[in-house]
Amino acid sequence: MSPFKVPNKRKKKYTLNVTRDIVRSLKALEIEIVELQRLEATGDRGHIEALKSKKAKMNDLLDITAQGALVRSRFKSAAEMDAPSKFFLV
């Protein structure tokens, strides 16, 4: 076995853990953003800056998850294109 190959079970477990961490982070950020939006009405500059920072972090996480979905769909499409087809076997 190549030292660079990771067994399938470990890949799935890693992916599951990463997904779980991202979901947890998104939920925590969402709660913090809602709370900061309430505090934003006070006009405190610190709350406004913290809100901007949290929103930027959430956008970054959402971008990462969207990129992952695009990569997975491309691999899935490539795998389906390589599959044998009855269309050409006439």
PDB file of N, CA and C in Angstrom:
ATOM      1  N   MET A   1       0.840  -1.181   0.000  1.00  0.00           N
ATOM      2  CA  MET A   1       0.000   0.000   0.000  1.00  0.00           C
ATOM      3  C   MET A   1       0.884   1.242   0.000  1.00  0.00           C
ATOM      4  N   SER A   2       0.547   2.178  -0.845  1.00  0.00           N
ATOM      5  CA  SER A   2       1.305   3.419  -0.952  1.00  0.00           C
ATOM      6  C   SER A   2       1.181   4.233   0.337  1.00  0.00           C
ATOM      7  N   PRO A   3       2.267   4.892   0.751  1.00  0.00           N
ATOM      8  CA  PRO A   3       2.188   5.698   1.977  1.00  0.00           C
ATOM      9  C   PRO A   3       1.273   6.915   1.818  1.00  0.00           C
ATOM     10  N   PHE A   4       0.918   7.261   0.570  1.00  0.00           N
ATOM     11  CA  PHE A   4       0.084   8.432   0.326  1.00  0.00           C
ATOM     12  C   PHE A   4      -1.396   8.099   0.241  1.00  0.00           C
ATOM     13  N   LYS A   5      -1.722   6.830   0.167  1.00  0.00           N
ATOM     14  CA  LYS A   5      -3.126   6.438   0.074  1.00  0.00           C
ATOM     15  C   LYS A   5      -3.737   6.369   1.465  1.00  0.00           C
ATOM     16  N   VAL A   6      -4.930   6.914   1.577  1.00  0.00           N
ATOM     17  CA  VAL A   6      -5.663   6.889   2.840  1.00  0.00           C
ATOM     18  C   VAL A   6      -6.820   5.920   2.668  1.00  0.00           C
ATOM     19  N   PRO A   7      -6.984   4.986   3.608  1.00  0.00           N
ATOM     20  CA  PRO A   7      -8.103   4.053   3.498  1.00  0.00           C
ATOM     21  C   PRO A   7      -9.438   4.791   3.429  1.00  0.00           C
ATOM     22  N   ASN A   8     -10.392   4.187   2.711  1.00  0.00           N
ATOM     23  CA  ASN A   8     -11.691   4.809   2.482  1.00  0.00           C
ATOM     24  C   ASN A   8     -12.420   5.168   3.774  1.00  0.00           C
ATOM     25  N   LYS A   9     -12.367   4.290   4.775  1.00  0.00           N
ATOM     26  CA  LYS A   9     -13.053   4.561   6.040  1.00  0.00           C
ATOM     27  C   LYS A   9     -12.508   5.828   6.694  1.00  0.00           C
ATOM     28  N   ARG A  10     -11.202   6.002   6.635  1.00  0.00           N
ATOM     29  CA  ARG A  10     -10.585   7.187   7.248  1.00  0.00           C
ATOM     30  C   ARG A  10     -10.984   8.451   6.499  1.00  0.00           C
ATOM     31  N   LYS A  11     -11.098   8.358   5.163  1.00  0.00           N
ATOM     32  CA  LYS A  11     -11.514   9.514   4.368  1.00  0.00           C
ATOM     33  C   LYS A  11     -12.926   9.935   4.746  1.00  0.00           C
ATOM     34  N   LYS A  12     -13.820   8.952   4.836  1.00  0.00           N
ATOM     35  CA  LYS A  12     -15.211   9.255   5.167  1.00  0.00           C
ATOM     36  C   LYS A  12     -15.326   9.850   6.565  1.00  0.00           C
ATOM     37  N   LYS A  13     -14.564   9.285   7.502  1.00  0.00           N
ATOM     38  CA  LYS A  13     -14.600   9.782   8.877  1.00  0.00           C
ATOM     39  C   LYS A  13     -14.067  11.216   8.931  1.00  0.00           C
ATOM     40  N   TYR A  14     -12.975  11.476   8.203  1.00  0.00           N
ATOM     41  CA  TYR A  14     -12.398  12.821   8.159  1.00  0.00           C
ATOM     42  C   TYR A  14     -13.404  13.805   7.567  1.00  0.00           C
ATOM     43  N   THR A  15     -14.029  13.418   6.447  1.00  0.00           N
ATOM     44  CA  THR A  15     -15.005  14.280   5.791  1.00  0.00           C
ATOM     45  C   THR A  15     -16.182  14.563   6.708  1.00  0.00           C
ATOM     46  N   LEU A  16     -16.655  13.534   7.398  1.00  0.00           N
ATOM     47  CA  LEU A  16     -17.766  13.703   8.332  1.00  0.00           C
ATOM     48  C   LEU A  16     -17.392  14.676   9.446  1.00  0.00           C
ATOM     49  N   ASN A  17     -16.189  14.527   9.991  1.00  0.00           N
ATOM     50  CA  ASN A  17     -15.743  15.418  11.070  1.00  0.00           C
ATOM     51  C   ASN A  17     -15.588  16.856  10.594  1.00  0.00           C
ATOM     52  N   VAL A  18     -15.041  17.038   9.394  1.00  0.00           N
ATOM     53  CA  VAL A  18     -14.867  18.388   8.852  1.00  0.00           C
ATOM     54  C   VAL A  18     -16.233  19.029   8.619  1.00  0.00           C
ATOM     55  N   THR A  19     -17.148  18.262   8.041  1.00  0.00           N
ATOM     56  CA  THR A  19     -18.494  18.778   7.795  1.00  0.00           C
ATOM     57  C   THR A  19     -19.172  19.156   9.108  1.00  0.00           C
ATOM     58  N   ARG A  20     -19.041  18.306  10.097  1.00  0.00           N
ATOM     59  CA  ARG A  20     -19.636  18.577  11.407  1.00  0.00           C
ATOM     60  C   ARG A  20     -19.038  19.846  12.015  1.00  0.00           C
ATOM     61  N   ASP A  21     -17.724  20.017  11.894  1.00  0.00           N
ATOM     62  CA  ASP A  21     -17.064  21.216  12.428  1.00  0.00           C
ATOM     63  C   ASP A  21     -17.545  22.482  11.717  1.00  0.00           C
ATOM     64  N   ILE A  22     -17.694  22.398  10.406  1.00  0.00           N
ATOM     65  CA  ILE A  22     -18.151  23.559   9.640  1.00  0.00           C
ATOM     66  C   ILE A  22     -19.577  23.927  10.032  1.00  0.00           C
ATOM     67  N   VAL A  23     -20.441  22.927  10.151  1.00  0.00           N
ATOM     68  CA  VAL A  23     -21.835  23.189  10.540  1.00  0.00           C
ATOM     69  C   VAL A  23     -21.891  23.808  11.929  1.00  0.00           C
ATOM     70  N   ARG A  24     -21.099  23.263  12.842  1.00  0.00           N
ATOM     71  CA  ARG A  24     -21.041  23.818  14.202  1.00  0.00           C
ATOM     72  C   ARG A  24     -20.568  25.273  14.183  1.00  0.00           C
ATOM     73  N   SER A  25     -19.538  25.531  13.408  1.00  0.00           N
ATOM     74  CA  SER A  25     -19.002  26.896  13.313  1.00  0.00           C
ATOM     75  C   SER A  25     -20.027  27.854  12.716  1.00  0.00           C
ATOM     76  N   LEU A  26     -20.734  27.397  11.677  1.00  0.00           N
ATOM     77  CA  LEU A  26     -21.751  28.244  11.058  1.00  0.00           C
ATOM     78  C   LEU A  26     -22.878  28.569  12.038  1.00  0.00           C
ATOM     79  N   LYS A  27     -23.307  27.567  12.803  1.00  0.00           N
ATOM     80  CA  LYS A  27     -24.376  27.806  13.783  1.00  0.00           C
ATOM     81  C   LYS A  27     -23.920  28.781  14.861  1.00  0.00           C
ATOM     82  N   ALA A  28     -22.691  28.610  15.344  1.00  0.00           N
ATOM     83  CA  ALA A  28     -22.159  29.509  16.374  1.00  0.00           C
ATOM     84  C   ALA A  28     -22.048  30.935  15.836  1.00  0.00           C
ATOM     85  N   LEU A  29     -21.552  31.068  14.608  1.00  0.00           N
ATOM     86  CA  LEU A  29     -21.440  32.398  14.006  1.00  0.00           C
ATOM     87  C   LEU A  29     -22.815  33.034  13.821  1.00  0.00           C
ATOM     88  N   GLU A  30     -23.778  32.226  13.415  1.00  0.00           N
ATOM     89  CA  GLU A  30     -25.130  32.745  13.220  1.00  0.00           C
ATOM     90  C   GLU A  30     -25.697  33.302  14.533  1.00  0.00           C
ATOM     91  N   ILE A  31     -25.505  32.565  15.612  1.00  0.00           N
ATOM     92  CA  ILE A  31     -25.983  33.019  16.926  1.00  0.00           C
ATOM     93  C   ILE A  31     -25.277  34.314  17.334  1.00  0.00           C
ATOM     94  N   GLU A  32     -23.961  34.360  17.132  1.00  0.00           N
ATOM     95  CA  GLU A  32     -23.197  35.562  17.484  1.00  0.00           C
ATOM     96  C   GLU A  32     -23.629  36.759  16.641  1.00  0.00           C
ATOM     97  N   ILE A  33     -23.884  36.519  15.359  1.00  0.00           N
ATOM     98  CA  ILE A  33     -24.298  37.607  14.466  1.00  0.00           C
ATOM     99  C   ILE A  33     -25.659  38.159  14.888  1.00  0.00           C
ATOM    100  N   VAL A  34     -26.591  37.277  15.211  1.00  0.00           N
ATOM    101  CA  VAL A  34     -27.917  37.729  15.654  1.00  0.00           C
ATOM    102  C   VAL A  34     -27.788  38.579  16.915  1.00  0.00           C
ATOM    103  N   GLU A  35     -26.968  38.127  17.849  1.00  0.00           N
ATOM    104  CA  GLU A  35     -26.768  38.884  19.093  1.00  0.00           C
ATOM    105  C   GLU A  35     -26.116  40.240  18.804  1.00  0.00           C
ATOM    106  N   LEU A  36     -25.119  40.248  17.931  1.00  0.00           N
ATOM    107  CA  LEU A  36     -24.446  41.510  17.598  1.00  0.00           C
ATOM    108  C   LEU A  36     -25.372  42.452  16.838  1.00  0.00           C
ATOM    109  N   GLN A  37     -26.296  41.913  16.047  1.00  0.00           N
ATOM    110  CA  GLN A  37     -27.254  42.769  15.350  1.00  0.00           C
ATOM    111  C   GLN A  37     -28.166  43.478  16.349  1.00  0.00           C
ATOM    112  N   ARG A  38     -28.511  42.781  17.422  1.00  0.00           N
ATOM    113  CA  ARG A  38     -29.309  43.421  18.482  1.00  0.00           C
ATOM    114  C   ARG A  38     -28.502  44.540  19.152  1.00  0.00           C
ATOM    115  N   LEU A  39     -27.234  44.265  19.407  1.00  0.00           N
ATOM    116  CA  LEU A  39     -26.382  45.247  20.087  1.00  0.00           C
ATOM    117  C   LEU A  39     -25.967  46.395  19.167  1.00  0.00           C
ATOM    118  N   GLU A  40     -26.062  46.188  17.858  1.00  0.00           N
ATOM    119  CA  GLU A  40     -25.660  47.209  16.894  1.00  0.00           C
ATOM    120  C   GLU A  40     -26.494  48.485  17.059  1.00  0.00           C
ATOM    121  N   ALA A  41     -27.738  48.320  17.491  1.00  0.00           N
ATOM    122  CA  ALA A  41     -28.633  49.469  17.663  1.00  0.00           C
ATOM    123  C   ALA A  41     -28.107  50.459  18.708  1.00  0.00           C
ATOM    124  N   THR A  42     -27.231  49.997  19.589  1.00  0.00           N
ATOM    125  CA  THR A  42     -26.673  50.897  20.609  1.00  0.00           C
ATOM    126  C   THR A  42     -25.706  51.902  19.998  1.00  0.00           C
ATOM    127  N   GLY A  43     -25.223  51.598  18.795  1.00  0.00           N
ATOM    128  CA  GLY A  43     -24.295  52.504  18.120  1.00  0.00           C
ATOM    129  C   GLY A  43     -22.857  52.347  18.569  1.00  0.00           C
ATOM    130  N   ASP A  44     -22.580  51.362  19.403  1.00  0.00           N
ATOM    131  CA  ASP A  44     -21.213  51.119  19.883  1.00  0.00           C
ATOM    132  C   ASP A  44     -20.352  50.641  18.712  1.00  0.00           C
ATOM    133  N   ARG A  45     -19.281  51.363  18.481  1.00  0.00           N
ATOM    134  CA  ARG A  45     -18.381  51.062  17.351  1.00  0.00           C
ATOM    135  C   ARG A  45     -17.798  49.645  17.456  1.00  0.00           C
ATOM    136  N   GLY A  46     -17.509  49.196  18.673  1.00  0.00           N
ATOM    137  CA  GLY A  46     -16.949  47.857  18.870  1.00  0.00           C
ATOM    138  C   GLY A  46     -17.896  46.766  18.406  1.00  0.00           C
ATOM    139  N   HIS A  47     -19.194  46.947  18.678  1.00  0.00           N
ATOM    140  CA  HIS A  47     -20.187  45.963  18.244  1.00  0.00           C
ATOM    141  C   HIS A  47     -20.313  45.939  16.719  1.00  0.00           C
ATOM    142  N   ILE A  48     -20.258  47.120  16.119  1.00  0.00           N
ATOM    143  CA  ILE A  48     -20.383  47.215  14.660  1.00  0.00           C
ATOM    144  C   ILE A  48     -19.202  46.527  13.985  1.00  0.00           C
ATOM    145  N   GLU A  49     -17.993  46.774  14.491  1.00  0.00           N
ATOM    146  CA  GLU A  49     -16.794  46.143  13.921  1.00  0.00           C
ATOM    147  C   GLU A  49     -16.820  44.630  14.126  1.00  0.00           C
ATOM    148  N   ALA A  50     -17.251  44.196  15.311  1.00  0.00           N
ATOM    149  CA  ALA A  50     -17.342  42.758  15.585  1.00  0.00           C
ATOM    150  C   ALA A  50     -18.353  42.102  14.656  1.00  0.00           C
ATOM    151  N   LEU A  51     -19.461  42.790  14.395  1.00  0.00           N
ATOM    152  CA  LEU A  51     -20.485  42.264  13.489  1.00  0.00           C
ATOM    153  C   LEU A  51     -19.928  42.110  12.079  1.00  0.00           C
ATOM    154  N   LYS A  52     -19.204  43.116  11.606  1.00  0.00           N
ATOM    155  CA  LYS A  52     -18.590  43.036  10.273  1.00  0.00           C
ATOM    156  C   LYS A  52     -17.617  41.862  10.198  1.00  0.00           C
ATOM    157  N   SER A  53     -16.827  41.693  11.245  1.00  0.00           N
ATOM    158  CA  SER A  53     -15.845  40.605  11.288  1.00  0.00           C
ATOM    159  C   SER A  53     -16.525  39.238  11.253  1.00  0.00           C
ATOM    160  N   LYS A  54     -17.582  39.075  12.052  1.00  0.00           N
ATOM    161  CA  LYS A  54     -18.301  37.788  12.101  1.00  0.00           C
ATOM    162  C   LYS A  54     -18.969  37.488  10.763  1.00  0.00           C
ATOM    163  N   LYS A  55     -19.530  38.523  10.132  1.00  0.00           N
ATOM    164  CA  LYS A  55     -20.161  38.325   8.823  1.00  0.00           C
ATOM    165  C   LYS A  55     -19.123  37.904   7.782  1.00  0.00           C
ATOM    166  N   ALA A  56     -17.943  38.498   7.846  1.00  0.00           N
ATOM    167  CA  ALA A  56     -16.874  38.130   6.909  1.00  0.00           C
ATOM    168  C   ALA A  56     -16.448  36.678   7.123  1.00  0.00           C
ATOM    169  N   LYS A  57     -16.334  36.259   8.391  1.00  0.00           N
ATOM    170  CA  LYS A  57     -15.976  34.864   8.686  1.00  0.00           C
ATOM    171  C   LYS A  57     -17.035  33.910   8.155  1.00  0.00           C
ATOM    172  N   MET A  58     -18.314  34.287   8.326  1.00  0.00           N
ATOM    173  CA  MET A  58     -19.390  33.429   7.842  1.00  0.00           C
ATOM    174  C   MET A  58     -19.349  33.327   6.316  1.00  0.00           C
ATOM    175  N   ASN A  59     -19.106  34.440   5.644  1.00  0.00           N
ATOM    176  CA  ASN A  59     -18.995  34.415   4.184  1.00  0.00           C
ATOM    177  C   ASN A  59     -17.850  33.516   3.736  1.00  0.00           C
ATOM    178  N   ASP A  60     -16.727  33.577   4.435  1.00  0.00           N
ATOM    179  CA  ASP A  60     -15.590  32.717   4.100  1.00  0.00           C
ATOM    180  C   ASP A  60     -15.951  31.240   4.236  1.00  0.00           C
ATOM    181  N   LEU A  61     -16.615  30.890   5.331  1.00  0.00           N
ATOM    182  CA  LEU A  61     -17.020  29.494   5.536  1.00  0.00           C
ATOM    183  C   LEU A  61     -18.012  29.045   4.468  1.00  0.00           C
ATOM    184  N   LEU A  62     -18.955  29.906   4.124  1.00  0.00           N
ATOM    185  CA  LEU A  62     -19.933  29.553   3.093  1.00  0.00           C
ATOM    186  C   LEU A  62     -19.260  29.396   1.732  1.00  0.00           C
ATOM    187  N   ASP A  63     -18.259  30.235   1.448  1.00  0.00           N
ATOM    188  CA  ASP A  63     -17.505  30.099   0.197  1.00  0.00           C
ATOM    189  C   ASP A  63     -16.775  28.760   0.140  1.00  0.00           C
ATOM    190  N   ILE A  64     -16.184  28.365   1.257  1.00  0.00           N
ATOM    191  CA  ILE A  64     -15.458  27.093   1.314  1.00  0.00           C
ATOM    192  C   ILE A  64     -16.405  25.926   1.067  1.00  0.00           C
ATOM    193  N   THR A  65     -17.579  25.961   1.692  1.00  0.00           N
ATOM    194  CA  THR A  65     -18.529  24.859   1.499  1.00  0.00           C
ATOM    195  C   THR A  65     -19.049  24.836   0.069  1.00  0.00           C
ATOM    196  N   ALA A  66     -19.256  26.013  -0.528  1.00  0.00           N
ATOM    197  CA  ALA A  66     -19.723  26.069  -1.915  1.00  0.00           C
ATOM    198  C   ALA A  66     -18.656  25.522  -2.865  1.00  0.00           C
ATOM    199  N   GLN A  67     -17.399  25.858  -2.627  1.00  0.00           N
ATOM    200  CA  GLN A  67     -16.317  25.341  -3.465  1.00  0.00           C
ATOM    201  C   GLN A  67     -16.227  23.824  -3.358  1.00  0.00           C
ATOM    202  N   GLY A  68     -16.396  23.307  -2.151  1.00  0.00           N
ATOM    203  CA  GLY A  68     -16.382  21.857  -1.955  1.00  0.00           C
ATOM    204  C   GLY A  68     -17.499  21.178  -2.717  1.00  0.00           C
ATOM    205  N   ALA A  69     -18.677  21.786  -2.712  1.00  0.00           N
ATOM    206  CA  ALA A  69     -19.813  21.221  -3.447  1.00  0.00           C
ATOM    207  C   ALA A  69     -19.539  21.224  -4.944  1.00  0.00           C
ATOM    208  N   LEU A  70     -18.923  22.284  -5.445  1.00  0.00           N
ATOM    209  CA  LEU A  70     -18.591  22.339  -6.872  1.00  0.00           C
ATOM    210  C   LEU A  70     -17.594  21.254  -7.258  1.00  0.00           C
ATOM    211  N   VAL A  71     -16.580  21.070  -6.447  1.00  0.00           N
ATOM    212  CA  VAL A  71     -15.571  20.043  -6.725  1.00  0.00           C
ATOM    213  C   VAL A  71     -16.213  18.661  -6.730  1.00  0.00           C
ATOM    214  N   ARG A  72     -17.067  18.389  -5.723  1.00  0.00           N
ATOM    215  CA  ARG A  72     -17.728  17.083  -5.660  1.00  0.00           C
ATOM    216  C   ARG A  72     -18.614  16.851  -6.875  1.00  0.00           C
ATOM    217  N   SER A  73     -19.332  17.887  -7.321  1.00  0.00           N
ATOM    218  CA  SER A  73     -20.213  17.707  -8.474  1.00  0.00           C
ATOM    219  C   SER A  73     -19.405  17.486  -9.749  1.00  0.00           C
ATOM    220  N   ARG A  74     -18.247  18.130  -9.857  1.00  0.00           N
ATOM    221  CA  ARG A  74     -17.401  17.913 -11.041  1.00  0.00           C
ATOM    222  C   ARG A  74     -16.875  16.485 -11.083  1.00  0.00           C
ATOM    223  N   PHE A  75     -16.440  15.969  -9.928  1.00  0.00           N
ATOM    224  CA  PHE A  75     -15.959  14.594  -9.890  1.00  0.00           C
ATOM    225  C   PHE A  75     -17.084  13.621 -10.193  1.00  0.00           C
ATOM    226  N   LYS A  76     -18.266  13.906  -9.685  1.00  0.00           N
ATOM    227  CA  LYS A  76     -19.413  13.037  -9.935  1.00  0.00           C
ATOM    228  C   LYS A  76     -19.752  13.044 -11.424  1.00  0.00           C
ATOM    229  N   SER A  77     -19.742  14.226 -12.037  1.00  0.00           N
ATOM    230  CA  SER A  77     -20.027  14.332 -13.468  1.00  0.00           C
ATOM    231  C   SER A  77     -18.991  13.576 -14.289  1.00  0.00           C
ATOM    232  N   ALA A  78     -17.732  13.712 -13.916  1.00  0.00           N
ATOM    233  CA  ALA A  78     -16.667  13.016 -14.642  1.00  0.00           C
ATOM    234  C   ALA A  78     -16.829  11.508 -14.509  1.00  0.00           C
ATOM    235  N   ALA A  79     -17.188  11.046 -13.334  1.00  0.00           N
ATOM    236  CA  ALA A  79     -17.380   9.609 -13.119  1.00  0.00           C
ATOM    237  C   ALA A  79     -18.554   9.100 -13.941  1.00  0.00           C
ATOM    238  N   GLU A  80     -19.618   9.885 -14.035  1.00  0.00           N
ATOM    239  CA  GLU A  80     -20.777   9.469 -14.819  1.00  0.00           C
ATOM    240  C   GLU A  80     -20.474   9.481 -16.310  1.00  0.00           C
ATOM    241  N   MET A  81     -19.634  10.409 -16.763  1.00  0.00           N
ATOM    242  CA  MET A  81     -19.289  10.457 -18.181  1.00  0.00           C
ATOM    243  C   MET A  81     -18.432   9.265 -18.580  1.00  0.00           C
ATOM    244  N   ASP A  82     -17.633   8.774 -17.671  1.00  0.00           N
ATOM    245  CA  ASP A  82     -16.766   7.648 -17.975  1.00  0.00           C
ATOM    246  C   ASP A  82     -17.496   6.314 -17.902  1.00  0.00           C
ATOM    247  N   ALA A  83     -18.714   6.329 -17.407  1.00  0.00           N
ATOM    248  CA  ALA A  83     -19.470   5.081 -17.283  1.00  0.00           C
ATOM    249  C   ALA A  83     -19.890   4.598 -18.667  1.00  0.00           C
ATOM    250  N   PRO A  84     -19.905   3.276 -18.880  1.00  0.00           N
ATOM    251  CA  PRO A  84     -20.330   2.756 -20.174  1.00  0.00           C
ATOM    252  C   PRO A  84     -21.791   3.124 -20.443  1.00  0.00           C
ATOM    253  N   SER A  85     -22.089   3.349 -21.705  1.00  0.00           N
ATOM    254  CA  SER A  85     -23.437   3.753 -22.079  1.00  0.00           C
ATOM    255  C   SER A  85     -23.986   2.825 -23.153  1.00  0.00           C
ATOM    256  N   LYS A  86     -25.267   2.487 -23.056  1.00  0.00           N
ATOM    257  CA  LYS A  86     -25.917   1.649 -24.066  1.00  0.00           C
ATOM    258  C   LYS A  86     -26.234   2.460 -25.317  1.00  0.00           C
ATOM    259  N   PHE A  87     -26.175   3.766 -25.225  1.00  0.00           N
ATOM    260  CA  PHE A  87     -26.523   4.631 -26.341  1.00  0.00           C
ATOM    261  C   PHE A  87     -25.683   4.326 -27.585  1.00  0.00           C
ATOM    262  N   PHE A  88     -24.399   4.040 -27.394  1.00  0.00           N
ATOM    263  CA  PHE A  88     -23.499   3.813 -28.518  1.00  0.00           C
ATOM    264  C   PHE A  88     -23.427   2.352 -28.943  1.00  0.00           C
ATOM    265  N   LEU A  89     -24.090   1.481 -28.234  1.00  0.00           N
ATOM    266  CA  LEU A  89     -24.031   0.050 -28.535  1.00  0.00           C
ATOM    267  C   LEU A  89     -25.263  -0.386 -29.321  1.00  0.00           C
ATOM    268  N   VAL A  90     -25.472   0.195 -30.464  1.00  0.00           N
ATOM    269  CA  VAL A  90     -26.647  -0.160 -31.273  1.00  0.00           C
ATOM    270  C   VAL A  90     -26.253  -1.068 -32.394  1.00  0.00           C
TER     271      VAL A  90
END
